[in-house]
């Protein structure tokens, strides 16, 4: 008489131990090197987009605008049209593939840069800048690509790295363009720098089409298991809060950019351009140095961190209004840099939370629309304030917005901590 051996369950090993689910090929393919490659591609593709606009006052006289009267308008043209196109491109990425649409964005930048470099009239140059906005959108496309493969702390860390790429390009691109200007005019550099997004597209073509990573899990000791439900999306109210914080953050920080050098020259006459440039770059350098350490410290408490960031931004911008020495300007720029770093990192964490359970292309496209809308509004208010009250007006306006955001966003948390319940708001009919 033979005894039948017990049949081994597919989920158990011969020793009776639970068997780990095999890692999917996609989870093995998409790791730190791929994230770094996406960030590097965004960095090189951003050189022309961020490095050449400061030289519009030198470019436009050769295109029929001797006084460069259109420089201020053309400065924001790519931003405006990029904001308008971002939600559409995001939804198309969710439908047709994030990698395809990211490649489209890089190739679109290359085409628009070539047209800008070859333009021989103000009209053609303006059309090229419009196309740069409409066909570009590499930042939101890159974020949507990453969000399709990563989630949670890995995604927020990747978004933090993407912001680092943007800050690095903002700091170094104008320096490189200025260094090349003695050999090639900034206008023709558009055509030269079109090589960079083309190179980025080649690199991105080698990366996989992203799908959400699933970490290896221990299977229960049963023959079959019900499929795991999709991750539940964050409430829509949190997404609206993210959009509101993003708009206020971009507005309150960007508003200090256009007229900072004018403010420094007014307060400290004779300041060398190099020193003014260093003062401009200080907050962005703070982000490059401390962003990853800040992410490690605040990724579990992003809401508290973003409120602290708004507080530091308000203090730093208010300090600009009272600064009359180089030491004072260095101090307030560092305070602003601390607020910038905290705010950007915590907003990345909040964006990663909101992306859970949502189509990432559409969400990051809408977030890009909100962000660019804040930048355009900041530029308009800065120009109006500077024209009416001088270069100190924009930083004071930014102070007011940062302080108001801190008050509005922080009061519910204070009320909940004091009373143990959320405030009840009645809306009029």
Protein backbone atom coordinates (compact mmCIF):
# COMPACT_ATOMS: atom_id res chain seq x y z
CA UNK A 1 0.00 0.00 0.00
CA UNK A 2 1.39 3.29 -1.04
CA UNK A 3 0.88 6.54 0.73
CA UNK A 4 0.13 9.55 -1.44
CA UNK A 5 2.50 12.40 -0.91
CA UNK A 6 0.88 15.72 0.00
CA UNK A 7 0.69 18.01 -3.00
CA UNK A 8 2.82 21.11 -2.71
CA UNK A 9 0.92 24.36 -3.05
CA UNK A 10 2.32 26.72 -5.70
CA UNK A 11 2.70 29.32 -2.98
CA UNK A 12 4.81 27.07 -0.71
CA UNK A 13 8.35 25.77 -1.01
CA UNK A 14 9.37 22.17 -0.29
CA UNK A 15 10.26 23.20 3.26
CA UNK A 16 6.75 24.51 3.84
CA UNK A 17 7.86 28.13 3.87
CA UNK A 18 5.91 30.81 2.04
CA UNK A 19 7.33 31.50 -1.39
CA UNK A 20 8.14 35.10 -2.37
CA UNK A 21 6.40 36.42 -5.43
CA UNK A 22 8.91 36.82 -8.26
CA UNK A 23 9.99 40.32 -9.12
CA UNK A 24 8.45 41.53 -12.32
CA UNK A 25 10.85 42.46 -15.12
CA UNK A 26 9.65 46.06 -14.90
CA UNK A 27 10.51 46.39 -11.21
CA UNK A 28 13.98 45.10 -11.94
CA UNK A 29 14.41 47.49 -14.86
CA UNK A 30 13.29 50.76 -13.30
CA UNK A 31 15.59 51.85 -10.51
CA UNK A 32 17.91 54.64 -9.43
CA UNK A 33 19.82 54.73 -12.71
CA UNK A 34 16.63 55.25 -14.69
CA UNK A 35 15.48 58.05 -12.36
CA UNK A 36 18.88 59.73 -12.67
CA UNK A 37 18.70 59.39 -16.46
CA UNK A 38 15.30 61.14 -16.59
CA UNK A 39 16.58 63.95 -14.34
CA UNK A 40 19.75 64.34 -16.44
CA UNK A 41 17.68 64.52 -19.63
CA UNK A 42 15.52 67.26 -18.16
CA UNK A 43 18.64 69.16 -17.05
CA UNK A 44 20.29 69.20 -20.47
CA UNK A 45 17.02 69.94 -22.31
CA UNK A 46 16.35 72.92 -20.00
CA UNK A 47 19.56 74.75 -20.87
CA UNK A 48 18.14 76.79 -23.74
CA UNK A 49 14.71 77.20 -22.14
CA UNK A 50 16.18 78.66 -18.92
CA UNK A 51 19.52 80.06 -20.05
CA UNK A 52 18.57 82.16 -23.09
CA UNK A 53 15.52 84.24 -21.98
CA UNK A 54 17.69 86.54 -19.79
CA UNK A 55 19.43 87.58 -23.04
CA UNK A 56 16.26 88.61 -24.90
CA UNK A 57 17.27 92.26 -24.55
CA UNK A 58 20.36 91.42 -26.64
CA UNK A 59 18.49 89.22 -29.14
CA UNK A 60 15.53 91.46 -30.03
CA UNK A 61 17.43 94.48 -31.45
CA UNK A 62 18.70 92.23 -34.24
CA UNK A 63 15.11 91.19 -35.03
CA UNK A 64 13.66 94.67 -35.53
CA UNK A 65 12.96 95.71 -31.91
CA UNK A 66 15.79 98.20 -31.19
CA UNK A 67 14.69 99.04 -27.63
CA UNK A 68 13.72 95.42 -26.81
CA UNK A 69 10.25 96.61 -25.83
CA UNK A 70 8.82 93.12 -26.33
CA UNK A 71 11.31 91.39 -24.04
CA UNK A 72 8.97 91.26 -21.05
CA UNK A 73 6.09 89.81 -23.08
CA UNK A 74 8.22 87.26 -24.92
CA UNK A 75 9.80 86.17 -21.64
CA UNK A 76 6.48 84.66 -20.50
CA UNK A 77 5.16 83.47 -23.90
CA UNK A 78 6.56 79.90 -23.55
CA UNK A 79 5.27 79.75 -19.97
CA UNK A 80 1.74 80.82 -20.92
CA UNK A 81 1.40 78.41 -23.84
CA UNK A 82 3.10 75.63 -21.90
CA UNK A 83 0.51 76.06 -19.14
CA UNK A 84 -2.35 75.91 -21.63
CA UNK A 85 -1.05 72.75 -23.29
CA UNK A 86 0.09 70.81 -20.20
CA UNK A 87 -3.29 69.27 -19.19
CA UNK A 88 -3.98 68.04 -22.74
CA UNK A 89 -0.54 66.48 -23.14
CA UNK A 90 -0.91 64.86 -19.70
CA UNK A 91 -4.21 63.20 -20.63
CA UNK A 92 -2.74 62.03 -23.94
CA UNK A 93 0.19 60.51 -22.03
CA UNK A 94 -2.21 58.50 -19.86
CA UNK A 95 -3.91 57.23 -23.02
CA UNK A 96 -1.06 56.62 -25.44
CA UNK A 97 1.96 56.07 -23.17
CA UNK A 98 4.12 58.31 -20.97
CA UNK A 99 7.37 57.46 -22.74
CA UNK A 100 5.98 58.43 -26.13
CA UNK A 101 4.72 61.76 -24.88
CA UNK A 102 7.99 62.46 -23.05
CA UNK A 103 9.88 61.83 -26.28
CA UNK A 104 7.40 64.11 -28.04
CA UNK A 105 8.16 66.90 -25.56
CA UNK A 106 11.93 66.62 -26.07
CA UNK A 107 11.62 66.55 -29.87
CA UNK A 108 9.18 69.46 -29.73
CA UNK A 109 11.74 71.52 -27.82
CA UNK A 110 14.42 70.69 -30.38
CA UNK A 111 12.19 71.80 -33.28
CA UNK A 112 11.21 75.07 -31.57
CA UNK A 113 14.85 75.88 -30.69
CA UNK A 114 15.93 75.30 -34.28
CA UNK A 115 13.17 77.63 -35.52
CA UNK A 116 14.10 80.29 -32.96
CA UNK A 117 17.77 80.14 -33.92
CA UNK A 118 16.92 80.46 -37.62
CA UNK A 119 14.30 83.21 -37.24
CA UNK A 120 15.11 86.44 -39.05
CA UNK A 121 12.15 88.52 -37.88
CA UNK A 122 10.35 89.27 -34.63
CA UNK A 123 7.22 87.49 -35.91
CA UNK A 124 9.01 84.23 -36.67
CA UNK A 125 10.89 84.37 -33.38
CA UNK A 126 7.60 84.84 -31.50
CA UNK A 127 6.06 81.87 -33.34
CA UNK A 128 9.06 79.76 -32.30
CA UNK A 129 8.56 80.72 -28.64
CA UNK A 130 4.86 79.86 -28.89
CA UNK A 131 5.80 76.45 -30.28
CA UNK A 132 8.33 76.03 -27.46
CA UNK A 133 5.48 76.35 -24.98
CA UNK A 134 2.96 74.25 -26.90
CA UNK A 135 5.33 71.44 -27.94
CA UNK A 136 7.49 71.41 -24.79
CA UNK A 137 6.27 70.54 -21.30
CA UNK A 138 9.23 68.29 -20.47
CA UNK A 139 8.93 68.84 -16.70
CA UNK A 140 5.33 67.62 -16.31
CA UNK A 141 5.97 64.85 -18.89
CA UNK A 142 9.01 63.67 -16.91
CA UNK A 143 7.07 63.73 -13.63
CA UNK A 144 4.19 61.78 -15.18
CA UNK A 145 6.66 59.22 -16.55
CA UNK A 146 8.22 58.75 -13.10
CA UNK A 147 4.83 58.59 -11.34
CA UNK A 148 3.77 55.74 -13.62
CA UNK A 149 6.65 53.60 -12.31
CA UNK A 150 7.13 54.78 -8.72
CA UNK A 151 5.00 55.74 -5.75
CA UNK A 152 5.28 56.84 -2.13
CA UNK A 153 8.71 57.91 -0.83
CA UNK A 154 10.48 56.69 -4.00
CA UNK A 155 8.32 58.95 -6.15
CA UNK A 156 8.65 61.97 -3.85
CA UNK A 157 12.44 61.52 -3.80
CA UNK A 158 12.47 61.32 -7.60
CA UNK A 159 10.36 64.50 -7.83
CA UNK A 160 12.79 66.18 -5.43
CA UNK A 161 15.64 65.19 -7.76
CA UNK A 162 13.71 66.62 -10.73
CA UNK A 163 13.39 69.96 -8.93
CA UNK A 164 17.13 69.80 -8.33
CA UNK A 165 17.65 69.47 -12.09
CA UNK A 166 15.50 72.56 -12.64
CA UNK A 167 17.41 74.56 -10.01
CA UNK A 168 20.78 73.47 -11.42
CA UNK A 169 19.77 74.51 -14.94
CA UNK A 170 18.48 77.83 -13.64
CA UNK A 171 21.83 78.52 -11.95
CA UNK A 172 24.30 77.24 -14.55
CA UNK A 173 22.57 77.76 -17.91
CA UNK A 174 22.83 81.60 -17.98
CA UNK A 175 26.52 81.32 -17.04
CA UNK A 176 27.21 78.92 -19.91
CA UNK A 177 25.24 81.04 -22.39
CA UNK A 178 27.15 84.13 -21.30
CA UNK A 179 30.46 82.33 -21.69
CA UNK A 180 29.56 81.25 -25.24
CA UNK A 181 28.37 84.72 -26.25
CA UNK A 182 31.86 85.89 -27.24
CA UNK A 183 31.94 83.16 -29.95
CA UNK A 184 28.24 82.85 -30.87
CA UNK A 185 25.41 85.30 -30.34
CA UNK A 186 22.65 84.27 -27.89
CA UNK A 187 20.19 84.29 -30.80
CA UNK A 188 22.13 81.66 -32.77
CA UNK A 189 22.75 79.65 -29.60
CA UNK A 190 19.11 78.56 -29.78
CA UNK A 191 19.99 76.46 -32.84
CA UNK A 192 23.18 75.13 -31.22
CA UNK A 193 21.44 74.15 -27.98
CA UNK A 194 18.74 72.28 -29.92
CA UNK A 195 21.25 69.44 -29.90
CA UNK A 196 20.64 68.96 -26.16
CA UNK A 197 16.95 67.92 -26.25
CA UNK A 198 17.79 65.72 -29.27
CA UNK A 199 20.46 63.98 -27.18
CA UNK A 200 17.97 63.68 -24.31
CA UNK A 201 15.45 62.05 -26.65
CA UNK A 202 18.05 59.45 -27.69
CA UNK A 203 18.77 58.64 -24.04
CA UNK A 204 15.07 58.41 -23.17
CA UNK A 205 14.42 56.08 -26.11
CA UNK A 206 16.58 53.48 -24.33
CA UNK A 207 14.46 53.58 -21.15
CA UNK A 208 11.49 51.24 -20.57
CA UNK A 209 7.84 52.20 -20.82
CA UNK A 210 6.97 52.65 -17.13
CA UNK A 211 4.43 50.63 -15.21
CA UNK A 212 3.81 50.85 -11.51
CA UNK A 213 6.41 48.89 -9.52
CA UNK A 214 5.12 46.24 -7.16
CA UNK A 215 7.48 45.27 -4.33
CA UNK A 216 7.89 41.53 -3.65
CA UNK A 217 5.29 40.35 -1.16
CA UNK A 218 4.96 37.17 0.90
CA UNK A 219 2.05 35.12 -0.41
CA UNK A 220 -0.29 33.41 2.08
CA UNK A 221 -0.28 29.60 2.32
CA UNK A 222 -3.39 29.09 0.23
CA UNK A 223 -3.71 27.83 -3.34
CA UNK A 224 -5.42 30.97 -4.62
CA UNK A 225 -5.57 34.57 -3.53
CA UNK A 226 -7.99 37.33 -4.38
CA UNK A 227 -6.42 40.14 -6.46
CA UNK A 228 -5.21 43.12 -4.48
CA UNK A 229 -7.37 46.22 -4.94
CA UNK A 230 -5.87 49.23 -6.65
CA UNK A 231 -4.47 51.86 -4.27
CA UNK A 232 -7.16 54.22 -3.12
CA UNK A 233 -6.81 57.76 -4.41
CA UNK A 234 -6.38 60.65 -2.02
CA UNK A 235 -9.57 62.69 -1.50
CA UNK A 236 -10.21 65.39 -4.09
CA UNK A 237 -9.99 68.01 -1.33
CA UNK A 238 -6.31 67.16 -0.85
CA UNK A 239 -5.68 67.54 -4.54
CA UNK A 240 -7.32 70.98 -4.49
CA UNK A 241 -5.18 71.87 -1.45
CA UNK A 242 -2.05 70.80 -3.39
CA UNK A 243 -3.04 73.03 -6.31
CA UNK A 244 -3.66 75.98 -4.01
CA UNK A 245 -0.36 75.56 -2.19
CA UNK A 246 1.51 75.15 -5.49
CA UNK A 247 0.06 78.36 -6.92
CA UNK A 248 0.80 80.36 -3.77
CA UNK A 249 4.31 78.93 -3.46
CA UNK A 250 5.28 79.66 -7.07
CA UNK A 251 3.77 83.14 -6.90
CA UNK A 252 5.49 84.13 -3.65
CA UNK A 253 8.93 82.92 -4.75
CA UNK A 254 8.98 83.81 -8.46
CA UNK A 255 7.76 87.36 -7.80
CA UNK A 256 11.15 88.18 -6.26
CA UNK A 257 13.16 87.04 -9.32
CA UNK A 258 12.69 89.71 -12.04
CA UNK A 259 13.72 92.82 -10.12
CA UNK A 260 16.15 91.44 -7.52
CA UNK A 261 19.22 92.86 -9.28
CA UNK A 262 17.52 96.27 -9.58
CA UNK A 263 16.77 96.17 -5.85
CA UNK A 264 20.38 95.26 -5.01
CA UNK A 265 21.73 98.07 -7.21
CA UNK A 266 19.32 100.55 -5.63
CA UNK A 267 20.30 99.59 -2.07
CA UNK A 268 24.03 98.97 -2.71
CA UNK A 269 25.13 101.17 -5.63
CA UNK A 270 28.09 99.86 -7.58
CA UNK A 271 27.50 96.19 -6.81
CA UNK A 272 29.40 94.09 -9.41
CA UNK A 273 27.19 91.98 -11.70
CA UNK A 274 28.93 88.83 -10.49
CA UNK A 275 27.90 89.54 -6.89
CA UNK A 276 24.33 90.25 -7.96
CA UNK A 277 24.29 86.96 -9.85
CA UNK A 278 25.54 85.07 -6.79
CA UNK A 279 22.82 86.66 -4.66
CA UNK A 280 20.23 85.60 -7.22
CA UNK A 281 21.52 82.02 -7.23
CA UNK A 282 21.87 81.54 -3.45
CA UNK A 283 18.36 80.12 -2.75
CA UNK A 284 18.71 77.66 -5.61
CA UNK A 285 22.15 76.58 -4.40
CA UNK A 286 20.58 75.94 -0.97
CA UNK A 287 18.15 73.56 -2.62
CA UNK A 288 20.90 71.72 -4.50
CA UNK A 289 22.91 71.24 -1.30
CA UNK A 290 20.18 70.35 1.21
CA UNK A 291 17.16 68.99 -0.71
CA UNK A 292 17.80 65.27 -0.23
CA UNK A 293 18.62 65.70 3.48
CA UNK A 294 15.44 67.74 3.94
CA UNK A 295 13.43 65.04 2.14
CA UNK A 296 14.71 62.43 4.58
CA UNK A 297 13.72 64.65 7.52
CA UNK A 298 10.24 65.77 6.44
CA UNK A 299 8.80 63.09 4.13
CA UNK A 300 6.60 61.80 6.98
CA UNK A 301 5.33 65.30 7.88
CA UNK A 302 5.00 67.21 4.60
CA UNK A 303 2.11 69.44 5.69
CA UNK A 304 3.98 70.81 8.69
CA UNK A 305 7.08 71.23 6.52
CA UNK A 306 5.33 73.20 3.80
CA UNK A 307 3.81 75.55 6.38
CA UNK A 308 7.25 76.14 7.89
CA UNK A 309 8.50 76.77 4.35
CA UNK A 310 5.88 79.48 3.78
CA UNK A 311 6.85 81.05 7.10
CA UNK A 312 10.52 81.20 6.12
CA UNK A 313 9.61 82.59 2.68
CA UNK A 314 7.55 85.36 4.31
CA UNK A 315 10.40 86.23 6.68
CA UNK A 316 13.02 86.10 3.92
CA UNK A 317 11.05 88.28 1.51
CA UNK A 318 10.18 90.78 4.22
CA UNK A 319 13.89 90.98 5.00
CA UNK A 320 14.57 92.04 1.40
CA UNK A 321 12.56 95.16 2.07
CA UNK A 322 14.82 96.10 5.01
CA UNK A 323 18.20 94.94 3.66
CA UNK A 324 20.73 97.73 2.92
CA UNK A 325 24.05 95.87 3.06
CA UNK A 326 25.64 92.91 1.34
CA UNK A 327 25.65 90.91 4.59
CA UNK A 328 21.94 91.55 5.07
CA UNK A 329 21.15 90.48 1.53
CA UNK A 330 23.15 87.27 1.93
CA UNK A 331 21.28 86.50 5.16
CA UNK A 332 17.79 87.07 3.75
CA UNK A 333 18.61 85.14 0.56
CA UNK A 334 19.68 82.18 2.70
CA UNK A 335 16.44 82.37 4.72
CA UNK A 336 14.50 82.46 1.45
CA UNK A 337 16.57 79.48 0.27
CA UNK A 338 15.60 77.51 3.39
CA UNK A 339 11.93 78.25 2.71
CA UNK A 340 12.32 77.41 -0.98
CA UNK A 341 13.94 74.07 -0.16
CA UNK A 342 11.36 73.09 2.46
CA UNK A 343 8.46 74.14 0.26
CA UNK A 344 9.63 72.39 -2.90
CA UNK A 345 10.50 69.14 -1.10
CA UNK A 346 7.23 69.01 0.84
CA UNK A 347 5.17 69.84 -2.24
CA UNK A 348 6.90 66.94 -4.00
CA UNK A 349 5.87 64.62 -1.14
CA UNK A 350 2.28 65.90 -1.26
CA UNK A 351 2.21 65.46 -5.05
CA UNK A 352 3.42 61.87 -4.67
CA UNK A 353 0.61 61.22 -2.17
CA UNK A 354 -2.01 62.70 -4.50
CA UNK A 355 -0.69 60.70 -7.48
CA UNK A 356 -1.53 57.42 -5.72
CA UNK A 357 -4.50 55.83 -7.47
CA UNK A 358 -4.73 58.55 -10.14
CA UNK A 359 -3.71 58.78 -13.77
CA UNK A 360 -0.34 60.58 -13.33
CA UNK A 361 -0.23 62.31 -16.71
CA UNK A 362 -3.47 64.21 -16.17
CA UNK A 363 -2.64 65.09 -12.58
CA UNK A 364 0.85 66.40 -13.28
CA UNK A 365 -0.39 68.21 -16.38
CA UNK A 366 -2.96 70.05 -14.25
CA UNK A 367 -0.30 70.74 -11.61
CA UNK A 368 1.94 72.22 -14.30
CA UNK A 369 -0.94 74.47 -15.42
CA UNK A 370 -1.34 75.73 -11.84
CA UNK A 371 2.41 76.22 -11.38
CA UNK A 372 2.90 78.15 -14.61
CA UNK A 373 -0.22 80.17 -13.85
CA UNK A 374 1.39 81.23 -10.57
CA UNK A 375 4.58 82.20 -12.40
CA UNK A 376 2.71 84.30 -14.98
CA UNK A 377 0.66 86.02 -12.27
CA UNK A 378 3.84 86.71 -10.30
CA UNK A 379 5.51 88.26 -13.33
CA UNK A 380 2.52 90.50 -14.04
CA UNK A 381 2.22 91.68 -10.43
CA UNK A 382 6.00 92.21 -10.18
CA UNK A 383 6.00 94.37 -13.32
CA UNK A 384 3.04 96.43 -12.12
CA UNK A 385 4.44 96.82 -8.60
CA UNK A 386 7.88 97.79 -9.84
CA UNK A 387 6.42 100.37 -12.22
CA UNK A 388 4.26 101.95 -9.53
CA UNK A 389 6.33 101.68 -6.36
CA UNK A 390 9.85 100.54 -7.26
CA UNK A 391 11.78 97.25 -6.97
CA UNK A 392 10.90 96.68 -3.30
CA UNK A 393 7.17 96.31 -4.11
CA UNK A 394 7.38 92.78 -5.61
CA UNK A 395 9.10 91.27 -2.57
CA UNK A 396 6.56 92.88 -0.24
CA UNK A 397 3.72 91.48 -2.35
CA UNK A 398 5.33 88.04 -2.11
CA UNK A 399 5.60 88.46 1.66
CA UNK A 400 1.86 89.18 1.89
CA UNK A 401 0.91 86.12 -0.20
CA UNK A 402 3.22 83.77 1.74
CA UNK A 403 1.95 85.06 5.10
CA UNK A 404 -1.69 84.81 3.99
CA UNK A 405 -1.17 81.24 2.76
CA UNK A 406 0.46 80.29 6.06
CA UNK A 407 -2.51 81.77 7.92
CA UNK A 408 -5.22 80.15 5.78
CA UNK A 409 -3.57 76.73 5.54
CA UNK A 410 -2.33 76.64 9.12
CA UNK A 411 -5.44 77.73 11.01
CA UNK A 412 -7.38 74.47 10.47
CA UNK A 413 -4.45 72.44 11.82
CA UNK A 414 -4.17 74.70 14.88
CA UNK A 415 -7.93 74.49 15.48
CA UNK A 416 -7.87 70.68 15.19
CA UNK A 417 -4.94 70.41 17.60
CA UNK A 418 -6.64 72.63 20.18
CA UNK A 419 -10.16 71.18 19.97
CA UNK A 420 -9.61 67.68 18.61
CA UNK A 421 -12.02 68.22 15.69
CA UNK A 422 -11.92 69.88 12.31
CA UNK A 423 -13.48 73.35 11.87
CA UNK A 424 -16.91 73.40 10.27
CA UNK A 425 -17.25 75.98 7.51
CA UNK A 426 -20.72 77.00 6.32
CA UNK A 427 -20.90 78.31 2.78
CA UNK A 428 -23.62 80.79 1.87
CA UNK A 429 -26.09 79.68 -0.77
